[in-house]
């Protein structure tokens, strides 16, 4: 069997659980919210002031980075467990 066909038939990730789906959607929402705050920095600065917008942007940036690390660790653990389980069956 050619390598590309073998790779195509090999599962590359675990099926997404409801917890991982919730985490992925939360992560996506954090990324979108961060993009909106950074993109709308000018109008938001006039509305609530520069220090407030900067603090919100910084908090979102740190929160998104930490949540990304948590999500990636859990996703990697789920994928590894799933692939190990597949390997045991064969």
Protein backbone atom coordinates (compact mmCIF):
# COMPACT_ATOMS: atom_id res chain seq x y z
CA UNK A 1 0.00 0.00 0.00
CA UNK A 2 1.43 3.44 -0.83
CA UNK A 3 2.42 5.62 2.14
CA UNK A 4 -0.07 8.38 1.27
CA UNK A 5 -2.94 5.88 1.27
CA UNK A 6 -1.81 4.37 4.56
CA UNK A 7 -1.65 7.85 6.12
CA UNK A 8 -5.06 8.69 4.69
CA UNK A 9 -6.59 5.65 6.36
CA UNK A 10 -4.82 6.21 9.71
CA UNK A 11 -6.76 8.26 12.26
CA UNK A 12 -4.75 11.32 13.23
CA UNK A 13 -6.76 12.52 16.20
CA UNK A 14 -9.23 11.33 18.77
CA UNK A 15 -12.93 11.92 18.25
CA UNK A 16 -13.86 15.21 19.88
CA UNK A 17 -15.56 14.82 23.25
CA UNK A 18 -18.13 17.30 24.50
CA UNK A 19 -15.56 18.73 26.94
CA UNK A 20 -12.98 19.25 24.20
CA UNK A 21 -15.64 20.75 21.93
CA UNK A 22 -16.62 23.20 24.68
CA UNK A 23 -12.97 24.08 25.25
CA UNK A 24 -12.37 24.58 21.52
CA UNK A 25 -15.38 26.88 21.20
CA UNK A 26 -14.32 28.84 24.30
CA UNK A 27 -10.83 29.20 22.85
CA UNK A 28 -12.28 30.42 19.53
CA UNK A 29 -14.46 32.94 21.37
CA UNK A 30 -11.45 34.23 23.31
CA UNK A 31 -9.47 34.65 20.08
CA UNK A 32 -12.33 36.51 18.37
CA UNK A 33 -12.90 38.73 21.40
CA UNK A 34 -9.19 39.54 21.58
CA UNK A 35 -9.17 40.42 17.87
CA UNK A 36 -12.20 42.68 18.32
CA UNK A 37 -10.64 44.49 21.28
CA UNK A 38 -7.34 45.00 19.48
CA UNK A 39 -9.06 45.97 16.23
CA UNK A 40 -11.40 48.39 17.96
CA UNK A 41 -8.76 49.87 20.25
CA UNK A 42 -9.30 53.43 18.94
CA UNK A 43 -13.06 53.67 19.44
CA UNK A 44 -12.91 51.75 22.72
CA UNK A 45 -10.16 54.06 23.98
CA UNK A 46 -12.41 57.08 23.42
CA UNK A 47 -15.31 55.34 25.12
CA UNK A 48 -13.69 53.93 28.29
CA UNK A 49 -10.15 55.33 28.29
CA UNK A 50 -6.77 54.03 27.26
CA UNK A 51 -5.76 52.33 30.55
CA UNK A 52 -9.02 50.37 30.70
CA UNK A 53 -8.77 49.12 27.13
CA UNK A 54 -5.10 48.26 27.56
CA UNK A 55 -5.89 46.32 30.74
CA UNK A 56 -8.71 44.42 29.03
CA UNK A 57 -6.52 43.64 26.02
CA UNK A 58 -3.68 42.45 28.26
CA UNK A 59 -6.03 40.30 30.36
CA UNK A 60 -7.52 38.75 27.22
CA UNK A 61 -4.06 38.13 25.77
CA UNK A 62 -2.80 36.41 28.91
CA UNK A 63 -6.05 34.50 29.38
CA UNK A 64 -6.06 33.32 25.78
CA UNK A 65 -2.43 32.21 25.99
CA UNK A 66 -3.03 30.24 29.20
CA UNK A 67 -6.24 28.70 27.88
CA UNK A 68 -4.46 27.75 24.66
CA UNK A 69 -1.79 25.90 26.63
CA UNK A 70 -4.46 24.10 28.69
CA UNK A 71 -6.49 23.16 25.61
CA UNK A 72 -3.47 21.90 23.68
CA UNK A 73 -2.31 19.78 26.64
CA UNK A 74 -5.74 18.17 27.05
CA UNK A 75 -6.12 17.66 23.31
CA UNK A 76 -2.68 16.06 23.07
CA UNK A 77 -3.49 13.78 26.02
CA UNK A 78 -6.78 12.70 24.42
CA UNK A 79 -5.13 12.07 21.04
CA UNK A 80 -2.30 10.05 22.59
CA UNK A 81 -4.71 7.93 24.63
CA UNK A 82 -6.86 7.31 21.56
CA UNK A 83 -3.93 6.32 19.36
CA UNK A 84 -2.55 4.09 22.12
CA UNK A 85 -5.94 2.42 22.37
CA UNK A 86 -5.95 1.84 18.61
CA UNK A 87 -2.47 0.36 18.79
CA UNK A 88 -3.52 -2.10 21.48
CA UNK A 89 -6.39 -3.41 19.35
CA UNK A 90 -4.15 -4.26 16.41
